[in-house]
């Protein structure tokens, strides 16, 4: 069973970047989920899918996986490329596009 170590992306329901600074260790599923024929519920016998461990840094997560003999795969995080903008830039004289109002 391989575990993934990654930093989660922000959810679609939030505008800030809360809960994206921690590293997560999540197990990959071993058994495909099955559909219960009567009610249509999806179930799985794989209990490790429910385990999600949070760590302060990537090194802590890797050390935990190595200490417990868990094979792991580290997924590199993608940093946001942000440009600092200010409201005054809308009225700058050297704009690339002319003011349309």
PDB file of N, CA and C in Angstrom:
ATOM      1  N   UNK A   1       0.847  -1.174   0.000  1.00  0.00           N
ATOM      2  CA  UNK A   1       0.000   0.000   0.000  1.00  0.00           C
ATOM      3  C   UNK A   1       0.886   1.228   0.000  1.00  0.00           C
ATOM      4  N   UNK A   2       0.726   2.050  -0.992  1.00  0.00           N
ATOM      5  CA  UNK A   2       1.518   3.268  -1.149  1.00  0.00           C
ATOM      6  C   UNK A   2       0.740   4.448  -0.574  1.00  0.00           C
ATOM      7  N   UNK A   3       1.456   5.327   0.077  1.00  0.00           N
ATOM      8  CA  UNK A   3       0.845   6.536   0.621  1.00  0.00           C
ATOM      9  C   UNK A   3       1.313   7.740  -0.200  1.00  0.00           C
ATOM     10  N   UNK A   4       0.439   8.706  -0.351  1.00  0.00           N
ATOM     11  CA  UNK A   4       0.784   9.954  -1.016  1.00  0.00           C
ATOM     12  C   UNK A   4       1.044  11.018   0.036  1.00  0.00           C
ATOM     13  N   UNK A   5       2.107  11.807  -0.153  1.00  0.00           N
ATOM     14  CA  UNK A   5       2.410  12.932   0.722  1.00  0.00           C
ATOM     15  C   UNK A   5       2.306  14.178  -0.148  1.00  0.00           C
ATOM     16  N   UNK A   6       1.422  15.095   0.225  1.00  0.00           N
ATOM     17  CA  UNK A   6       1.168  16.270  -0.604  1.00  0.00           C
ATOM     18  C   UNK A   6       0.653  17.410   0.252  1.00  0.00           C
ATOM     19  N   UNK A   7       0.659  18.599  -0.335  1.00  0.00           N
ATOM     20  CA  UNK A   7       0.013  19.757   0.281  1.00  0.00           C
ATOM     21  C   UNK A   7      -1.301  19.978  -0.438  1.00  0.00           C
ATOM     22  N   UNK A   8      -2.422  20.009   0.283  1.00  0.00           N
ATOM     23  CA  UNK A   8      -3.722  20.126  -0.390  1.00  0.00           C
ATOM     24  C   UNK A   8      -3.924  21.511  -0.997  1.00  0.00           C
ATOM     25  N   UNK A   9      -4.679  21.544  -2.066  1.00  0.00           N
ATOM     26  CA  UNK A   9      -5.049  22.809  -2.692  1.00  0.00           C
ATOM     27  C   UNK A   9      -6.230  23.402  -1.941  1.00  0.00           C
ATOM     28  N   UNK A  10      -6.479  24.664  -2.147  1.00  0.00           N
ATOM     29  CA  UNK A  10      -7.627  25.289  -1.486  1.00  0.00           C
ATOM     30  C   UNK A  10      -8.908  24.756  -2.111  1.00  0.00           C
ATOM     31  N   UNK A  11      -9.943  24.695  -1.326  1.00  0.00           N
ATOM     32  CA  UNK A  11     -11.198  24.185  -1.844  1.00  0.00           C
ATOM     33  C   UNK A  11     -11.886  25.254  -2.694  1.00  0.00           C
ATOM     34  N   UNK A  12     -12.851  24.844  -3.471  1.00  0.00           N
ATOM     35  CA  UNK A  12     -13.572  25.782  -4.327  1.00  0.00           C
ATOM     36  C   UNK A  12     -14.489  26.687  -3.516  1.00  0.00           C
ATOM     37  N   UNK A  13     -14.782  26.311  -2.286  1.00  0.00           N
ATOM     38  CA  UNK A  13     -15.718  27.076  -1.471  1.00  0.00           C
ATOM     39  C   UNK A  13     -15.037  28.135  -0.605  1.00  0.00           C
ATOM     40  N   UNK A  14     -13.738  28.294  -0.741  1.00  0.00           N
ATOM     41  CA  UNK A  14     -13.062  29.296   0.073  1.00  0.00           C
ATOM     42  C   UNK A  14     -12.237  30.206  -0.821  1.00  0.00           C
ATOM     43  N   UNK A  15     -12.138  31.459  -0.430  1.00  0.00           N
ATOM     44  CA  UNK A  15     -11.347  32.396  -1.214  1.00  0.00           C
ATOM     45  C   UNK A  15      -9.938  32.506  -0.671  1.00  0.00           C
ATOM     46  N   UNK A  16      -9.741  32.189   0.593  1.00  0.00           N
ATOM     47  CA  UNK A  16      -8.419  32.248   1.191  1.00  0.00           C
ATOM     48  C   UNK A  16      -7.675  30.941   1.027  1.00  0.00           C
ATOM     49  N   UNK A  17      -6.502  30.876   1.617  1.00  0.00           N
ATOM     50  CA  UNK A  17      -5.692  29.669   1.513  1.00  0.00           C
ATOM     51  C   UNK A  17      -5.579  28.954   2.862  1.00  0.00           C
ATOM     52  N   UNK A  18      -6.650  28.942   3.619  1.00  0.00           N
ATOM     53  CA  UNK A  18      -6.649  28.257   4.904  1.00  0.00           C
ATOM     54  C   UNK A  18      -6.519  26.752   4.690  1.00  0.00           C
ATOM     55  N   UNK A  19      -5.858  26.092   5.609  1.00  0.00           N
ATOM     56  CA  UNK A  19      -5.667  24.641   5.600  1.00  0.00           C
ATOM     57  C   UNK A  19      -4.845  24.149   4.415  1.00  0.00           C
ATOM     58  N   UNK A  20      -4.048  25.016   3.805  1.00  0.00           N
ATOM     59  CA  UNK A  20      -3.186  24.580   2.713  1.00  0.00           C
ATOM     60  C   UNK A  20      -1.723  24.617   3.109  1.00  0.00           C
ATOM     61  N   UNK A  21      -1.422  24.963   4.359  1.00  0.00           N
ATOM     62  CA  UNK A  21      -0.034  25.063   4.776  1.00  0.00           C
ATOM     63  C   UNK A  21       0.485  23.761   5.376  1.00  0.00           C
ATOM     64  N   UNK A  22      -0.367  22.789   5.623  1.00  0.00           N
ATOM     65  CA  UNK A  22       0.035  21.516   6.211  1.00  0.00           C
ATOM     66  C   UNK A  22       0.219  20.470   5.117  1.00  0.00           C
ATOM     67  N   UNK A  23       1.036  19.478   5.389  1.00  0.00           N
ATOM     68  CA  UNK A  23       1.272  18.368   4.477  1.00  0.00           C
ATOM     69  C   UNK A  23       0.423  17.182   4.925  1.00  0.00           C
ATOM     70  N   UNK A  24      -0.181  16.490   3.981  1.00  0.00           N
ATOM     71  CA  UNK A  24      -1.074  15.370   4.268  1.00  0.00           C
ATOM     72  C   UNK A  24      -0.424  14.059   3.819  1.00  0.00           C
ATOM     73  N   UNK A  25      -0.663  12.997   4.586  1.00  0.00           N
ATOM     74  CA  UNK A  25      -0.286  11.643   4.204  1.00  0.00           C
ATOM     75  C   UNK A  25      -1.591  10.874   4.047  1.00  0.00           C
ATOM     76  N   UNK A  26      -1.867  10.425   2.821  1.00  0.00           N
ATOM     77  CA  UNK A  26      -3.115   9.733   2.494  1.00  0.00           C
ATOM     78  C   UNK A  26      -2.759   8.443   1.770  1.00  0.00           C
ATOM     79  N   UNK A  27      -3.406   7.352   2.144  1.00  0.00           N
ATOM     80  CA  UNK A  27      -3.153   6.054   1.510  1.00  0.00           C
ATOM     81  C   UNK A  27      -3.906   5.955   0.189  1.00  0.00           C
ATOM     82  N   UNK A  28      -3.259   5.327  -0.780  1.00  0.00           N
ATOM     83  CA  UNK A  28      -3.919   5.020  -2.056  1.00  0.00           C
ATOM     84  C   UNK A  28      -4.854   3.831  -1.838  1.00  0.00           C
ATOM     85  N   UNK A  29      -5.987   3.775  -2.531  1.00  0.00           N
ATOM     86  CA  UNK A  29      -6.913   2.645  -2.333  1.00  0.00           C
ATOM     87  C   UNK A  29      -6.329   1.347  -2.885  1.00  0.00           C
ATOM     88  N   UNK A  30      -6.459   0.267  -2.113  1.00  0.00           N
ATOM     89  CA  UNK A  30      -6.004  -1.054  -2.555  1.00  0.00           C
ATOM     90  C   UNK A  30      -7.109  -1.810  -3.275  1.00  0.00           C
ATOM     91  N   UNK A  31      -8.331  -1.631  -2.792  1.00  0.00           N
ATOM     92  CA  UNK A  31      -9.477  -2.370  -3.322  1.00  0.00           C
ATOM     93  C   UNK A  31     -10.452  -1.362  -3.926  1.00  0.00           C
ATOM     94  N   UNK A  32     -10.949  -1.683  -5.111  1.00  0.00           N
ATOM     95  CA  UNK A  32     -11.936  -0.810  -5.739  1.00  0.00           C
ATOM     96  C   UNK A  32     -13.234  -0.823  -4.932  1.00  0.00           C
ATOM     97  N   UNK A  33     -13.919   0.314  -4.812  1.00  0.00           N
ATOM     98  CA  UNK A  33     -15.186   0.317  -4.073  1.00  0.00           C
ATOM     99  C   UNK A  33     -16.246  -0.499  -4.815  1.00  0.00           C
ATOM    100  N   UNK A  34     -17.136  -1.086  -4.031  1.00  0.00           N
ATOM    101  CA  UNK A  34     -18.202  -1.891  -4.626  1.00  0.00           C
ATOM    102  C   UNK A  34     -19.546  -1.210  -4.364  1.00  0.00           C
ATOM    103  N   UNK A  35     -20.493  -1.476  -5.237  1.00  0.00           N
ATOM    104  CA  UNK A  35     -21.827  -0.905  -5.111  1.00  0.00           C
ATOM    105  C   UNK A  35     -22.759  -1.947  -4.517  1.00  0.00           C
ATOM    106  N   UNK A  36     -23.425  -1.581  -3.442  1.00  0.00           N
ATOM    107  CA  UNK A  36     -24.374  -2.479  -2.794  1.00  0.00           C
ATOM    108  C   UNK A  36     -25.615  -2.550  -3.684  1.00  0.00           C
ATOM    109  N   UNK A  37     -26.061  -3.746  -4.092  1.00  0.00           N
ATOM    110  CA  UNK A  37     -27.097  -3.853  -5.116  1.00  0.00           C
ATOM    111  C   UNK A  37     -28.476  -3.354  -4.688  1.00  0.00           C
ATOM    112  N   UNK A  38     -28.844  -3.474  -3.426  1.00  0.00           N
ATOM    113  CA  UNK A  38     -30.191  -3.116  -3.014  1.00  0.00           C
ATOM    114  C   UNK A  38     -30.381  -1.601  -2.937  1.00  0.00           C
ATOM    115  N   UNK A  39     -29.529  -0.927  -2.205  1.00  0.00           N
ATOM    116  CA  UNK A  39     -29.688   0.514  -1.985  1.00  0.00           C
ATOM    117  C   UNK A  39     -28.795   1.362  -2.877  1.00  0.00           C
ATOM    118  N   UNK A  40     -27.773   0.769  -3.475  1.00  0.00           N
ATOM    119  CA  UNK A  40     -26.895   1.522  -4.352  1.00  0.00           C
ATOM    120  C   UNK A  40     -25.787   2.269  -3.627  1.00  0.00           C
ATOM    121  N   UNK A  41     -25.559   1.957  -2.345  1.00  0.00           N
ATOM    122  CA  UNK A  41     -24.487   2.600  -1.593  1.00  0.00           C
ATOM    123  C   UNK A  41     -23.141   2.116  -2.095  1.00  0.00           C
ATOM    124  N   UNK A  42     -22.173   2.990  -2.071  1.00  0.00           N
ATOM    125  CA  UNK A  42     -20.805   2.614  -2.421  1.00  0.00           C
ATOM    126  C   UNK A  42     -20.064   2.288  -1.137  1.00  0.00           C
ATOM    127  N   UNK A  43     -19.447   1.118  -1.099  1.00  0.00           N
ATOM    128  CA  UNK A  43     -18.721   0.713   0.100  1.00  0.00           C
ATOM    129  C   UNK A  43     -17.369   0.143  -0.294  1.00  0.00           C
ATOM    130  N   UNK A  44     -16.500   0.051   0.696  1.00  0.00           N
ATOM    131  CA  UNK A  44     -15.176  -0.501   0.471  1.00  0.00           C
ATOM    132  C   UNK A  44     -14.734  -1.229   1.727  1.00  0.00           C
ATOM    133  N   UNK A  45     -13.953  -2.284   1.552  1.00  0.00           N
ATOM    134  CA  UNK A  45     -13.409  -3.020   2.684  1.00  0.00           C
ATOM    135  C   UNK A  45     -12.040  -2.485   3.076  1.00  0.00           C
ATOM    136  N   UNK A  46     -11.572  -1.474   2.372  1.00  0.00           N
ATOM    137  CA  UNK A  46     -10.255  -0.897   2.625  1.00  0.00           C
ATOM    138  C   UNK A  46     -10.381   0.197   3.684  1.00  0.00           C
ATOM    139  N   UNK A  47      -9.971  -0.099   4.913  1.00  0.00           N
ATOM    140  CA  UNK A  47     -10.114   0.855   6.011  1.00  0.00           C
ATOM    141  C   UNK A  47      -9.052   1.953   5.986  1.00  0.00           C
ATOM    142  N   UNK A  48      -7.959   1.738   5.271  1.00  0.00           N
ATOM    143  CA  UNK A  48      -6.899   2.750   5.254  1.00  0.00           C
ATOM    144  C   UNK A  48      -7.292   3.981   4.447  1.00  0.00           C
ATOM    145  N   UNK A  49      -8.314   3.893   3.642  1.00  0.00           N
ATOM    146  CA  UNK A  49      -8.768   5.065   2.891  1.00  0.00           C
ATOM    147  C   UNK A  49      -9.305   6.147   3.816  1.00  0.00           C
ATOM    148  N   UNK A  50      -9.685   5.775   5.011  1.00  0.00           N
ATOM    149  CA  UNK A  50     -10.245   6.739   5.948  1.00  0.00           C
ATOM    150  C   UNK A  50      -9.172   7.498   6.715  1.00  0.00           C
ATOM    151  N   UNK A  51      -7.927   7.060   6.622  1.00  0.00           N
ATOM    152  CA  UNK A  51      -6.844   7.662   7.392  1.00  0.00           C
ATOM    153  C   UNK A  51      -6.242   8.824   6.609  1.00  0.00           C
ATOM    154  N   UNK A  52      -6.244  10.002   7.228  1.00  0.00           N
ATOM    155  CA  UNK A  52      -5.601  11.189   6.665  1.00  0.00           C
ATOM    156  C   UNK A  52      -4.797  11.827   7.789  1.00  0.00           C
ATOM    157  N   UNK A  53      -3.486  11.826   7.648  1.00  0.00           N
ATOM    158  CA  UNK A  53      -2.624  12.380   8.670  1.00  0.00           C
ATOM    159  C   UNK A  53      -2.075  13.727   8.209  1.00  0.00           C
ATOM    160  N   UNK A  54      -2.054  14.707   9.099  1.00  0.00           N
ATOM    161  CA  UNK A  54      -1.554  16.043   8.777  1.00  0.00           C
ATOM    162  C   UNK A  54      -0.234  16.268   9.499  1.00  0.00           C
ATOM    163  N   UNK A  55       0.712  16.920   8.800  1.00  0.00           N
ATOM    164  CA  UNK A  55       2.035  17.210   9.349  1.00  0.00           C
ATOM    165  C   UNK A  55       2.380  18.670   9.081  1.00  0.00           C
ATOM    166  N   UNK A  56       3.268  19.204   9.907  1.00  0.00           N
ATOM    167  CA  UNK A  56       3.690  20.604   9.763  1.00  0.00           C
ATOM    168  C   UNK A  56       4.581  20.814   8.543  1.00  0.00           C
ATOM    169  N   UNK A  57       5.403  19.821   8.200  1.00  0.00           N
ATOM    170  CA  UNK A  57       6.327  19.974   7.072  1.00  0.00           C
ATOM    171  C   UNK A  57       6.417  18.662   6.298  1.00  0.00           C
ATOM    172  N   UNK A  58       6.971  18.756   5.106  1.00  0.00           N
ATOM    173  CA  UNK A  58       7.152  17.569   4.272  1.00  0.00           C
ATOM    174  C   UNK A  58       8.146  16.611   4.921  1.00  0.00           C
ATOM    175  N   UNK A  59       9.176  17.155   5.556  1.00  0.00           N
ATOM    176  CA  UNK A  59      10.180  16.322   6.199  1.00  0.00           C
ATOM    177  C   UNK A  59       9.574  15.495   7.338  1.00  0.00           C
ATOM    178  N   UNK A  60       8.641  16.093   8.084  1.00  0.00           N
ATOM    179  CA  UNK A  60       7.964  15.346   9.153  1.00  0.00           C
ATOM    180  C   UNK A  60       7.150  14.186   8.594  1.00  0.00           C
ATOM    181  N   UNK A  61       6.466  14.412   7.489  1.00  0.00           N
ATOM    182  CA  UNK A  61       5.648  13.361   6.879  1.00  0.00           C
ATOM    183  C   UNK A  61       6.528  12.245   6.326  1.00  0.00           C
ATOM    184  N   UNK A  62       7.630  12.601   5.689  1.00  0.00           N
ATOM    185  CA  UNK A  62       8.546  11.590   5.149  1.00  0.00           C
ATOM    186  C   UNK A  62       9.182  10.797   6.289  1.00  0.00           C
ATOM    187  N   UNK A  63       9.570  11.479   7.362  1.00  0.00           N
ATOM    188  CA  UNK A  63      10.169  10.794   8.509  1.00  0.00           C
ATOM    189  C   UNK A  63       9.168   9.817   9.134  1.00  0.00           C
ATOM    190  N   UNK A  64       7.905  10.198   9.238  1.00  0.00           N
ATOM    191  CA  UNK A  64       6.874   9.316   9.781  1.00  0.00           C
ATOM    192  C   UNK A  64       6.718   8.071   8.905  1.00  0.00           C
ATOM    193  N   UNK A  65       6.662   8.275   7.573  1.00  0.00           N
ATOM    194  CA  UNK A  65       6.491   7.143   6.662  1.00  0.00           C
ATOM    195  C   UNK A  65       7.695   6.202   6.734  1.00  0.00           C
ATOM    196  N   UNK A  66       8.898   6.740   6.797  1.00  0.00           N
ATOM    197  CA  UNK A  66      10.079   5.893   6.869  1.00  0.00           C
ATOM    198  C   UNK A  66      10.173   5.186   8.220  1.00  0.00           C
ATOM    199  N   UNK A  67       9.815   5.854   9.292  1.00  0.00           N
ATOM    200  CA  UNK A  67       9.880   5.276  10.629  1.00  0.00           C
ATOM    201  C   UNK A  67       8.909   4.093  10.769  1.00  0.00           C
ATOM    202  N   UNK A  68       7.756   4.181  10.095  1.00  0.00           N
ATOM    203  CA  UNK A  68       6.754   3.126  10.183  1.00  0.00           C
ATOM    204  C   UNK A  68       6.779   2.156   9.010  1.00  0.00           C
ATOM    205  N   UNK A  69       7.756   2.283   8.118  1.00  0.00           N
ATOM    206  CA  UNK A  69       7.896   1.353   6.999  1.00  0.00           C
ATOM    207  C   UNK A  69       6.798   1.475   5.964  1.00  0.00           C
ATOM    208  N   UNK A  70       6.283   2.670   5.759  1.00  0.00           N
ATOM    209  CA  UNK A  70       5.214   2.902   4.787  1.00  0.00           C
ATOM    210  C   UNK A  70       5.844   3.363   3.473  1.00  0.00           C
ATOM    211  N   UNK A  71       5.628   2.633   2.373  1.00  0.00           N
ATOM    212  CA  UNK A  71       6.116   3.136   1.085  1.00  0.00           C
ATOM    213  C   UNK A  71       5.328   4.397   0.712  1.00  0.00           C
ATOM    214  N   UNK A  72       6.020   5.419   0.238  1.00  0.00           N
ATOM    215  CA  UNK A  72       5.359   6.702   0.001  1.00  0.00           C
ATOM    216  C   UNK A  72       5.803   7.308  -1.323  1.00  0.00           C
ATOM    217  N   UNK A  73       5.026   8.257  -1.769  1.00  0.00           N
ATOM    218  CA  UNK A  73       5.317   9.043  -2.978  1.00  0.00           C
ATOM    219  C   UNK A  73       5.047  10.500  -2.618  1.00  0.00           C
ATOM    220  N   UNK A  74       6.049  11.333  -2.810  1.00  0.00           N
ATOM    221  CA  UNK A  74       5.897  12.751  -2.497  1.00  0.00           C
ATOM    222  C   UNK A  74       5.472  13.480  -3.762  1.00  0.00           C
ATOM    223  N   UNK A  75       4.381  14.204  -3.687  1.00  0.00           N
ATOM    224  CA  UNK A  75       3.888  15.001  -4.804  1.00  0.00           C
ATOM    225  C   UNK A  75       4.281  16.444  -4.528  1.00  0.00           C
ATOM    226  N   UNK A  76       5.047  17.022  -5.431  1.00  0.00           N
ATOM    227  CA  UNK A  76       5.558  18.384  -5.233  1.00  0.00           C
ATOM    228  C   UNK A  76       4.408  19.378  -5.216  1.00  0.00           C
ATOM    229  N   UNK A  77       4.544  20.380  -4.370  1.00  0.00           N
ATOM    230  CA  UNK A  77       3.499  21.402  -4.285  1.00  0.00           C
ATOM    231  C   UNK A  77       3.730  22.469  -5.350  1.00  0.00           C
ATOM    232  N   UNK A  78       2.651  23.095  -5.758  1.00  0.00           N
ATOM    233  CA  UNK A  78       2.697  24.149  -6.761  1.00  0.00           C
ATOM    234  C   UNK A  78       2.435  25.475  -6.067  1.00  0.00           C
ATOM    235  N   UNK A  79       3.420  26.336  -6.073  1.00  0.00           N
ATOM    236  CA  UNK A  79       3.255  27.646  -5.456  1.00  0.00           C
ATOM    237  C   UNK A  79       2.505  28.564  -6.416  1.00  0.00           C
ATOM    238  N   UNK A  80       1.655  29.386  -5.850  1.00  0.00           N
ATOM    239  CA  UNK A  80       0.912  30.344  -6.657  1.00  0.00           C
ATOM    240  C   UNK A  80       1.839  31.462  -7.094  1.00  0.00           C
ATOM    241  N   UNK A  81       1.727  31.866  -8.330  1.00  0.00           N
ATOM    242  CA  UNK A  81       2.472  33.016  -8.832  1.00  0.00           C
ATOM    243  C   UNK A  81       1.532  34.221  -8.774  1.00  0.00           C
ATOM    244  N   UNK A  82       1.740  35.077  -7.812  1.00  0.00           N
ATOM    245  CA  UNK A  82       0.864  36.228  -7.656  1.00  0.00           C
ATOM    246  C   UNK A  82       1.599  37.503  -8.030  1.00  0.00           C
ATOM    247  N   UNK A  83       0.865  38.413  -8.625  1.00  0.00           N
ATOM    248  CA  UNK A  83       1.385  39.731  -8.964  1.00  0.00           C
ATOM    249  C   UNK A  83       0.784  40.726  -7.997  1.00  0.00           C
ATOM    250  N   UNK A  84       1.603  41.540  -7.364  1.00  0.00           N
ATOM    251  CA  UNK A  84       1.015  42.560  -6.498  1.00  0.00           C
ATOM    252  C   UNK A  84       0.336  43.635  -7.350  1.00  0.00           C
ATOM    253  N   UNK A  85      -0.919  43.890  -7.077  1.00  0.00           N
ATOM    254  CA  UNK A  85      -1.673  44.900  -7.807  1.00  0.00           C
ATOM    255  C   UNK A  85      -2.191  45.944  -6.828  1.00  0.00           C
ATOM    256  N   UNK A  86      -2.345  47.122  -7.309  1.00  0.00           N
ATOM    257  CA  UNK A  86      -2.938  48.156  -6.480  1.00  0.00           C
ATOM    258  C   UNK A  86      -4.022  48.876  -7.291  1.00  0.00           C
ATOM    259  N   UNK A  87      -4.902  49.519  -6.590  1.00  0.00           N
ATOM    260  CA  UNK A  87      -5.985  50.238  -7.243  1.00  0.00           C
ATOM    261  C   UNK A  87      -5.440  51.409  -8.061  1.00  0.00           C
ATOM    262  N   UNK A  88      -4.335  51.982  -7.634  1.00  0.00           N
ATOM    263  CA  UNK A  88      -3.750  53.124  -8.342  1.00  0.00           C
ATOM    264  C   UNK A  88      -3.241  52.739  -9.729  1.00  0.00           C
ATOM    265  N   UNK A  89      -2.956  51.453  -9.960  1.00  0.00           N
ATOM    266  CA  UNK A  89      -2.498  51.023 -11.284  1.00  0.00           C
ATOM    267  C   UNK A  89      -3.567  51.220 -12.350  1.00  0.00           C
ATOM    268  N   UNK A  90      -4.829  51.301 -11.981  1.00  0.00           N
ATOM    269  CA  UNK A  90      -5.895  51.542 -12.953  1.00  0.00           C
ATOM    270  C   UNK A  90      -5.786  52.930 -13.575  1.00  0.00           C
ATOM    271  N   UNK A  91      -5.183  53.865 -12.886  1.00  0.00           N
ATOM    272  CA  UNK A  91      -5.120  55.249 -13.348  1.00  0.00           C
ATOM    273  C   UNK A  91      -3.705  55.668 -13.746  1.00  0.00           C
ATOM    274  N   UNK A  92      -2.840  54.707 -13.924  1.00  0.00           N
ATOM    275  CA  UNK A  92      -1.454  54.977 -14.296  1.00  0.00           C
ATOM    276  C   UNK A  92      -1.390  55.545 -15.713  1.00  0.00           C
ATOM    277  N   UNK A  93      -0.441  56.431 -15.978  1.00  0.00           N
ATOM    278  CA  UNK A  93      -0.337  57.047 -17.303  1.00  0.00           C
ATOM    279  C   UNK A  93       0.287  56.105 -18.325  1.00  0.00           C
ATOM    280  N   UNK A  94       1.136  55.206 -17.933  1.00  0.00           N
ATOM    281  CA  UNK A  94       1.796  54.317 -18.886  1.00  0.00           C
ATOM    282  C   UNK A  94       1.119  52.965 -18.999  1.00  0.00           C
ATOM    283  N   UNK A  95      -0.219  52.942 -19.008  1.00  0.00           N
ATOM    284  CA  UNK A  95      -0.943  51.674 -19.096  1.00  0.00           C
ATOM    285  C   UNK A  95      -0.762  51.030 -20.460  1.00  0.00           C
ATOM    286  N   UNK A  96      -0.806  49.714 -20.509  1.00  0.00           N
ATOM    287  CA  UNK A  96      -0.704  49.003 -21.785  1.00  0.00           C
ATOM    288  C   UNK A  96      -1.987  49.146 -22.596  1.00  0.00           C
ATOM    289  N   UNK A  97      -3.114  49.186 -21.913  1.00  0.00           N
ATOM    290  CA  UNK A  97      -4.403  49.340 -22.582  1.00  0.00           C
ATOM    291  C   UNK A  97      -5.031  50.641 -22.122  1.00  0.00           C
ATOM    292  N   UNK A  98      -5.651  51.393 -23.024  1.00  0.00           N
ATOM    293  CA  UNK A  98      -6.236  52.681 -22.613  1.00  0.00           C
ATOM    294  C   UNK A  98      -7.443  52.501 -21.703  1.00  0.00           C
ATOM    295  N   UNK A  99      -7.699  53.512 -20.922  1.00  0.00           N
ATOM    296  CA  UNK A  99      -8.846  53.524 -20.026  1.00  0.00           C
ATOM    297  C   UNK A  99     -10.117  53.607 -20.860  1.00  0.00           C
ATOM    298  N   UNK A 100     -11.115  52.758 -20.607  1.00  0.00           N
ATOM    299  CA  UNK A 100     -12.266  52.661 -21.502  1.00  0.00           C
ATOM    300  C   UNK A 100     -13.496  53.369 -20.988  1.00  0.00           C
ATOM    301  N   UNK A 101     -13.456  54.024 -19.859  1.00  0.00           N
ATOM    302  CA  UNK A 101     -14.668  54.646 -19.329  1.00  0.00           C
ATOM    303  C   UNK A 101     -14.862  56.026 -19.859  1.00  0.00           C
TER     304      UNK A 101
END
